[in-house]
Amino acid sequence: MKKFSLIAGLTGLFTLGLAAVAMAADAGAMAEAAKLFAATVTAAGFGIGIAAFGTGIGQGIAIKGAVEGTARNPEASGKITVTMLIGLAMVESLCIYALVISLILLYAYPMAAPVAKFLGMS
């Protein structure tokens, strides 16, 4: 328990130290960071929108094919349904990957630029 308290305390001190660095940034760096954040939000929005649009079309085509296959051969509906669900999971995973990339863009990159500029790394 003592080890956890020590780690939690050091994490809190580290977080407070970074907050002081972020608050000390000049107005120019913050304006540039705001523009970068706006561009990142726009890119993430367009990316997830396009991915969801493509996923919706792909899933619609897959369901259409499964329904047509079941209508032609009702005895095979169990196998068709299982295959369709596996295919839908594969198609949906592409949209989930786009969501992960969008979240990485939103939460990881924009905060690195003002801190790097403030520290003189860029």
N, C-alpha and C. Protein backbone atom coordinates (compact mmCIF):
# COMPACT_ATOMS: atom_id res chain seq x y z
N MET A 1 0.82 -1.19 0.00
CA MET A 1 0.00 0.00 0.00
C MET A 1 0.87 1.26 0.00
N LYS A 2 2.01 1.18 0.70
CA LYS A 2 2.90 2.33 0.73
C LYS A 2 3.47 2.62 -0.66
N LYS A 3 3.78 1.54 -1.39
CA LYS A 3 4.33 1.70 -2.72
C LYS A 3 3.32 2.41 -3.64
N PHE A 4 2.04 2.02 -3.53
CA PHE A 4 1.00 2.65 -4.33
C PHE A 4 0.87 4.12 -3.98
N SER A 5 0.91 4.45 -2.70
CA SER A 5 0.81 5.85 -2.27
C SER A 5 1.99 6.66 -2.79
N LEU A 6 3.17 6.07 -2.78
CA LEU A 6 4.34 6.76 -3.29
C LEU A 6 4.21 7.02 -4.79
N ILE A 7 3.76 6.01 -5.54
CA ILE A 7 3.59 6.16 -6.98
C ILE A 7 2.52 7.20 -7.28
N ALA A 8 1.40 7.15 -6.55
CA ALA A 8 0.32 8.12 -6.76
C ALA A 8 0.80 9.53 -6.44
N GLY A 9 1.57 9.69 -5.38
CA GLY A 9 2.09 11.01 -5.03
C GLY A 9 3.06 11.55 -6.07
N LEU A 10 3.96 10.70 -6.55
CA LEU A 10 4.90 11.14 -7.59
C LEU A 10 4.18 11.47 -8.90
N THR A 11 3.15 10.70 -9.22
CA THR A 11 2.37 10.99 -10.43
C THR A 11 1.67 12.34 -10.30
N GLY A 12 1.11 12.61 -9.12
CA GLY A 12 0.46 13.90 -8.88
C GLY A 12 1.44 15.06 -9.00
N LEU A 13 2.63 14.93 -8.43
CA LEU A 13 3.64 15.99 -8.53
C LEU A 13 4.07 16.20 -9.98
N PHE A 14 4.24 15.11 -10.71
CA PHE A 14 4.62 15.21 -12.13
C PHE A 14 3.54 15.93 -12.93
N THR A 15 2.28 15.59 -12.66
CA THR A 15 1.16 16.23 -13.36
C THR A 15 1.12 17.73 -13.04
N LEU A 16 1.28 18.08 -11.80
CA LEU A 16 1.28 19.50 -11.43
C LEU A 16 2.45 20.23 -12.07
N GLY A 17 3.59 19.58 -12.18
CA GLY A 17 4.74 20.20 -12.83
C GLY A 17 4.48 20.45 -14.30
N LEU A 18 3.84 19.53 -14.98
CA LEU A 18 3.51 19.74 -16.40
C LEU A 18 2.46 20.82 -16.58
N ALA A 19 1.54 20.94 -15.64
CA ALA A 19 0.54 22.00 -15.73
C ALA A 19 1.20 23.37 -15.68
N ALA A 20 2.23 23.52 -14.86
CA ALA A 20 2.94 24.80 -14.78
C ALA A 20 3.63 25.12 -16.10
N VAL A 21 4.20 24.12 -16.76
CA VAL A 21 4.84 24.34 -18.05
C VAL A 21 3.81 24.74 -19.10
N ALA A 22 2.66 24.11 -19.09
CA ALA A 22 1.62 24.42 -20.07
C ALA A 22 1.07 25.82 -19.86
N MET A 23 0.94 26.25 -18.63
CA MET A 23 0.39 27.58 -18.35
C MET A 23 1.41 28.68 -18.67
N ALA A 24 2.68 28.34 -18.72
CA ALA A 24 3.70 29.34 -18.96
C ALA A 24 3.93 29.61 -20.44
N ALA A 25 3.26 28.90 -21.33
CA ALA A 25 3.45 29.08 -22.77
C ALA A 25 2.97 30.46 -23.19
N ASP A 26 3.62 31.01 -24.19
CA ASP A 26 3.25 32.34 -24.65
C ASP A 26 1.99 32.29 -25.52
N ALA A 27 1.43 33.48 -25.79
CA ALA A 27 0.16 33.56 -26.52
C ALA A 27 0.30 33.08 -27.96
N GLY A 28 1.45 33.31 -28.59
CA GLY A 28 1.65 32.88 -29.97
C GLY A 28 1.62 31.37 -30.10
N ALA A 29 2.27 30.70 -29.16
CA ALA A 29 2.26 29.24 -29.19
C ALA A 29 0.87 28.70 -28.93
N MET A 30 0.12 29.37 -28.07
CA MET A 30 -1.23 28.90 -27.79
C MET A 30 -2.15 29.13 -28.97
N ALA A 31 -1.98 30.24 -29.70
CA ALA A 31 -2.79 30.49 -30.89
C ALA A 31 -2.48 29.45 -31.97
N GLU A 32 -1.20 29.13 -32.11
CA GLU A 32 -0.82 28.10 -33.07
C GLU A 32 -1.37 26.74 -32.66
N ALA A 33 -1.36 26.46 -31.36
CA ALA A 33 -1.91 25.21 -30.87
C ALA A 33 -3.42 25.14 -31.10
N ALA A 34 -4.10 26.28 -30.97
CA ALA A 34 -5.54 26.31 -31.22
C ALA A 34 -5.84 26.02 -32.69
N LYS A 35 -5.04 26.57 -33.60
CA LYS A 35 -5.23 26.29 -35.03
C LYS A 35 -4.96 24.81 -35.33
N LEU A 36 -3.91 24.28 -34.72
CA LEU A 36 -3.59 22.87 -34.91
C LEU A 36 -4.69 21.99 -34.37
N PHE A 37 -5.23 22.35 -33.21
CA PHE A 37 -6.31 21.56 -32.63
C PHE A 37 -7.56 21.61 -33.50
N ALA A 38 -7.88 22.79 -34.06
CA ALA A 38 -9.04 22.91 -34.95
C ALA A 38 -8.86 22.05 -36.20
N ALA A 39 -7.67 22.06 -36.76
CA ALA A 39 -7.40 21.23 -37.94
C ALA A 39 -7.47 19.74 -37.59
N THR A 40 -6.99 19.38 -36.41
CA THR A 40 -7.01 17.99 -36.00
C THR A 40 -8.43 17.51 -35.76
N VAL A 41 -9.25 18.36 -35.14
CA VAL A 41 -10.65 17.99 -34.90
C VAL A 41 -11.38 17.82 -36.24
N THR A 42 -11.11 18.71 -37.18
CA THR A 42 -11.74 18.61 -38.50
C THR A 42 -11.31 17.32 -39.20
N ALA A 43 -10.03 17.03 -39.17
CA ALA A 43 -9.53 15.81 -39.81
C ALA A 43 -10.11 14.55 -39.16
N ALA A 44 -10.18 14.54 -37.83
CA ALA A 44 -10.75 13.38 -37.14
C ALA A 44 -12.23 13.22 -37.47
N GLY A 45 -12.95 14.33 -37.54
CA GLY A 45 -14.37 14.27 -37.88
C GLY A 45 -14.61 13.75 -39.28
N PHE A 46 -13.85 14.28 -40.25
CA PHE A 46 -13.99 13.79 -41.62
C PHE A 46 -13.58 12.32 -41.73
N GLY A 47 -12.51 11.95 -41.05
CA GLY A 47 -12.03 10.57 -41.12
C GLY A 47 -13.05 9.57 -40.60
N ILE A 48 -13.63 9.85 -39.44
CA ILE A 48 -14.61 8.91 -38.89
C ILE A 48 -15.90 8.96 -39.69
N GLY A 49 -16.25 10.11 -40.25
CA GLY A 49 -17.45 10.20 -41.08
C GLY A 49 -17.32 9.38 -42.35
N ILE A 50 -16.19 9.49 -43.01
CA ILE A 50 -15.96 8.71 -44.24
C ILE A 50 -15.91 7.22 -43.91
N ALA A 51 -15.27 6.86 -42.81
CA ALA A 51 -15.19 5.45 -42.43
C ALA A 51 -16.58 4.89 -42.11
N ALA A 52 -17.39 5.66 -41.39
CA ALA A 52 -18.74 5.19 -41.06
C ALA A 52 -19.60 5.08 -42.32
N PHE A 53 -19.44 6.02 -43.25
CA PHE A 53 -20.19 5.97 -44.51
C PHE A 53 -19.82 4.72 -45.30
N GLY A 54 -18.53 4.44 -45.44
CA GLY A 54 -18.09 3.25 -46.17
C GLY A 54 -18.51 1.97 -45.48
N THR A 55 -18.44 1.96 -44.15
CA THR A 55 -18.85 0.78 -43.39
C THR A 55 -20.34 0.53 -43.56
N GLY A 56 -21.13 1.58 -43.53
CA GLY A 56 -22.57 1.42 -43.71
C GLY A 56 -22.93 0.86 -45.07
N ILE A 57 -22.27 1.35 -46.10
CA ILE A 57 -22.52 0.84 -47.44
C ILE A 57 -22.11 -0.63 -47.54
N GLY A 58 -20.93 -0.96 -47.02
CA GLY A 58 -20.46 -2.35 -47.06
C GLY A 58 -21.37 -3.30 -46.30
N GLN A 59 -21.84 -2.87 -45.14
CA GLN A 59 -22.73 -3.74 -44.37
C GLN A 59 -24.08 -3.87 -45.05
N GLY A 60 -24.56 -2.82 -45.67
CA GLY A 60 -25.82 -2.91 -46.39
C GLY A 60 -25.75 -3.89 -47.55
N ILE A 61 -24.65 -3.85 -48.28
CA ILE A 61 -24.47 -4.79 -49.40
C ILE A 61 -24.37 -6.23 -48.88
N ALA A 62 -23.68 -6.41 -47.75
CA ALA A 62 -23.54 -7.76 -47.19
C ALA A 62 -24.89 -8.31 -46.73
N ILE A 63 -25.68 -7.47 -46.08
CA ILE A 63 -27.00 -7.92 -45.61
C ILE A 63 -27.92 -8.21 -46.80
N LYS A 64 -27.83 -7.38 -47.83
CA LYS A 64 -28.63 -7.61 -49.04
C LYS A 64 -28.31 -8.97 -49.64
N GLY A 65 -27.02 -9.28 -49.75
CA GLY A 65 -26.61 -10.57 -50.31
C GLY A 65 -27.06 -11.73 -49.45
N ALA A 66 -27.00 -11.57 -48.12
CA ALA A 66 -27.42 -12.66 -47.22
C ALA A 66 -28.92 -12.89 -47.32
N VAL A 67 -29.69 -11.82 -47.41
CA VAL A 67 -31.14 -11.97 -47.52
C VAL A 67 -31.51 -12.62 -48.85
N GLU A 68 -30.83 -12.22 -49.91
CA GLU A 68 -31.10 -12.84 -51.21
C GLU A 68 -30.72 -14.32 -51.21
N GLY A 69 -29.60 -14.65 -50.58
CA GLY A 69 -29.19 -16.05 -50.49
C GLY A 69 -30.16 -16.87 -49.67
N THR A 70 -30.67 -16.30 -48.58
CA THR A 70 -31.65 -17.01 -47.77
C THR A 70 -32.96 -17.18 -48.53
N ALA A 71 -33.34 -16.18 -49.32
CA ALA A 71 -34.58 -16.29 -50.09
C ALA A 71 -34.48 -17.38 -51.16
N ARG A 72 -33.30 -17.56 -51.73
CA ARG A 72 -33.11 -18.59 -52.75
C ARG A 72 -33.00 -19.99 -52.16
N ASN A 73 -32.39 -20.07 -50.97
CA ASN A 73 -32.17 -21.39 -50.36
C ASN A 73 -32.43 -21.28 -48.85
N PRO A 74 -33.69 -21.40 -48.44
CA PRO A 74 -34.02 -21.23 -47.01
C PRO A 74 -33.37 -22.26 -46.09
N GLU A 75 -33.01 -23.43 -46.62
CA GLU A 75 -32.40 -24.45 -45.77
C GLU A 75 -30.99 -24.04 -45.31
N ALA A 76 -30.35 -23.19 -46.07
CA ALA A 76 -28.98 -22.77 -45.74
C ALA A 76 -28.94 -21.47 -44.93
N SER A 77 -30.07 -21.08 -44.36
CA SER A 77 -30.12 -19.79 -43.67
C SER A 77 -29.19 -19.73 -42.46
N GLY A 78 -29.01 -20.86 -41.77
CA GLY A 78 -28.11 -20.86 -40.60
C GLY A 78 -26.67 -20.57 -40.98
N LYS A 79 -26.18 -21.25 -42.01
CA LYS A 79 -24.80 -21.02 -42.45
C LYS A 79 -24.63 -19.63 -43.03
N ILE A 80 -25.64 -19.17 -43.75
CA ILE A 80 -25.56 -17.82 -44.35
C ILE A 80 -25.52 -16.77 -43.25
N THR A 81 -26.34 -16.96 -42.23
CA THR A 81 -26.38 -15.98 -41.13
C THR A 81 -25.06 -15.92 -40.39
N VAL A 82 -24.49 -17.08 -40.09
CA VAL A 82 -23.20 -17.11 -39.38
C VAL A 82 -22.11 -16.44 -40.22
N THR A 83 -22.07 -16.77 -41.50
CA THR A 83 -21.06 -16.17 -42.38
C THR A 83 -21.26 -14.66 -42.50
N MET A 84 -22.54 -14.24 -42.58
CA MET A 84 -22.83 -12.81 -42.67
C MET A 84 -22.37 -12.08 -41.40
N LEU A 85 -22.64 -12.66 -40.24
CA LEU A 85 -22.26 -11.99 -38.99
C LEU A 85 -20.74 -11.88 -38.85
N ILE A 86 -20.03 -12.90 -39.28
CA ILE A 86 -18.56 -12.83 -39.24
C ILE A 86 -18.08 -11.74 -40.19
N GLY A 87 -18.66 -11.69 -41.38
CA GLY A 87 -18.29 -10.65 -42.34
C GLY A 87 -18.62 -9.26 -41.83
N LEU A 88 -19.77 -9.09 -41.19
CA LEU A 88 -20.14 -7.79 -40.64
C LEU A 88 -19.17 -7.36 -39.53
N ALA A 89 -18.71 -8.31 -38.74
CA ALA A 89 -17.73 -7.99 -37.70
C ALA A 89 -16.42 -7.51 -38.33
N MET A 90 -16.02 -8.14 -39.43
CA MET A 90 -14.79 -7.71 -40.10
C MET A 90 -14.94 -6.31 -40.69
N VAL A 91 -16.09 -6.04 -41.28
CA VAL A 91 -16.33 -4.72 -41.86
C VAL A 91 -16.39 -3.67 -40.76
N GLU A 92 -17.05 -4.00 -39.65
CA GLU A 92 -17.18 -3.04 -38.55
C GLU A 92 -15.83 -2.74 -37.91
N SER A 93 -14.92 -3.71 -37.94
CA SER A 93 -13.60 -3.47 -37.34
C SER A 93 -12.86 -2.35 -38.07
N LEU A 94 -13.12 -2.18 -39.36
CA LEU A 94 -12.47 -1.08 -40.08
C LEU A 94 -12.92 0.27 -39.55
N CYS A 95 -14.18 0.40 -39.23
CA CYS A 95 -14.68 1.65 -38.65
C CYS A 95 -14.12 1.86 -37.24
N ILE A 96 -13.97 0.78 -36.50
CA ILE A 96 -13.40 0.89 -35.16
C ILE A 96 -11.93 1.33 -35.24
N TYR A 97 -11.19 0.83 -36.23
CA TYR A 97 -9.82 1.28 -36.42
C TYR A 97 -9.78 2.77 -36.73
N ALA A 98 -10.70 3.24 -37.56
CA ALA A 98 -10.76 4.68 -37.87
C ALA A 98 -11.09 5.48 -36.62
N LEU A 99 -11.97 4.95 -35.77
CA LEU A 99 -12.29 5.63 -34.51
C LEU A 99 -11.06 5.71 -33.61
N VAL A 100 -10.29 4.65 -33.54
CA VAL A 100 -9.08 4.65 -32.71
C VAL A 100 -8.09 5.68 -33.22
N ILE A 101 -7.90 5.74 -34.53
CA ILE A 101 -6.99 6.73 -35.11
C ILE A 101 -7.49 8.14 -34.82
N SER A 102 -8.80 8.37 -34.94
CA SER A 102 -9.36 9.69 -34.65
C SER A 102 -9.14 10.07 -33.19
N LEU A 103 -9.33 9.12 -32.29
CA LEU A 103 -9.12 9.42 -30.87
C LEU A 103 -7.65 9.68 -30.58
N ILE A 104 -6.76 8.96 -31.25
CA ILE A 104 -5.33 9.24 -31.08
C ILE A 104 -5.01 10.65 -31.57
N LEU A 105 -5.58 11.03 -32.71
CA LEU A 105 -5.35 12.39 -33.22
C LEU A 105 -5.86 13.43 -32.23
N LEU A 106 -7.02 13.19 -31.65
CA LEU A 106 -7.62 14.18 -30.76
C LEU A 106 -6.91 14.28 -29.42
N TYR A 107 -6.47 13.17 -28.88
CA TYR A 107 -5.97 13.19 -27.51
C TYR A 107 -4.46 13.09 -27.37
N ALA A 108 -3.74 12.72 -28.40
CA ALA A 108 -2.30 12.54 -28.24
C ALA A 108 -1.51 13.67 -28.90
N TYR A 109 -1.77 13.98 -30.13
CA TYR A 109 -0.90 14.88 -30.87
C TYR A 109 -1.05 16.36 -30.54
N PRO A 110 -2.23 16.93 -30.42
CA PRO A 110 -2.33 18.38 -30.26
C PRO A 110 -1.61 18.94 -29.04
N MET A 111 -1.51 18.18 -27.98
CA MET A 111 -0.88 18.73 -26.79
C MET A 111 0.65 18.66 -26.87
N ALA A 112 1.17 17.87 -27.79
CA ALA A 112 2.63 17.75 -27.89
C ALA A 112 3.25 18.97 -28.55
N ALA A 113 2.56 19.60 -29.48
CA ALA A 113 3.13 20.71 -30.23
C ALA A 113 3.42 21.93 -29.36
N PRO A 114 2.49 22.44 -28.53
CA PRO A 114 2.82 23.62 -27.74
C PRO A 114 3.89 23.36 -26.69
N VAL A 115 3.90 22.17 -26.12
CA VAL A 115 4.92 21.86 -25.12
C VAL A 115 6.29 21.76 -25.78
N ALA A 116 6.35 21.12 -26.96
CA ALA A 116 7.62 21.02 -27.67
C ALA A 116 8.12 22.40 -28.08
N LYS A 117 7.21 23.26 -28.51
CA LYS A 117 7.63 24.61 -28.90
C LYS A 117 8.13 25.39 -27.68
N PHE A 118 7.43 25.23 -26.57
CA PHE A 118 7.83 25.93 -25.36
C PHE A 118 9.19 25.46 -24.88
N LEU A 119 9.48 24.18 -25.02
CA LEU A 119 10.76 23.65 -24.59
C LEU A 119 11.86 23.87 -25.60
N GLY A 120 11.53 24.47 -26.75
CA GLY A 120 12.52 24.77 -27.78
C GLY A 120 12.90 23.58 -28.63
N MET A 121 12.04 22.57 -28.71
CA MET A 121 12.34 21.37 -29.48
C MET A 121 11.95 21.50 -30.95
N SER A 122 11.14 22.49 -31.28
CA SER A 122 10.74 22.61 -32.68
C SER A 122 11.09 23.98 -33.24
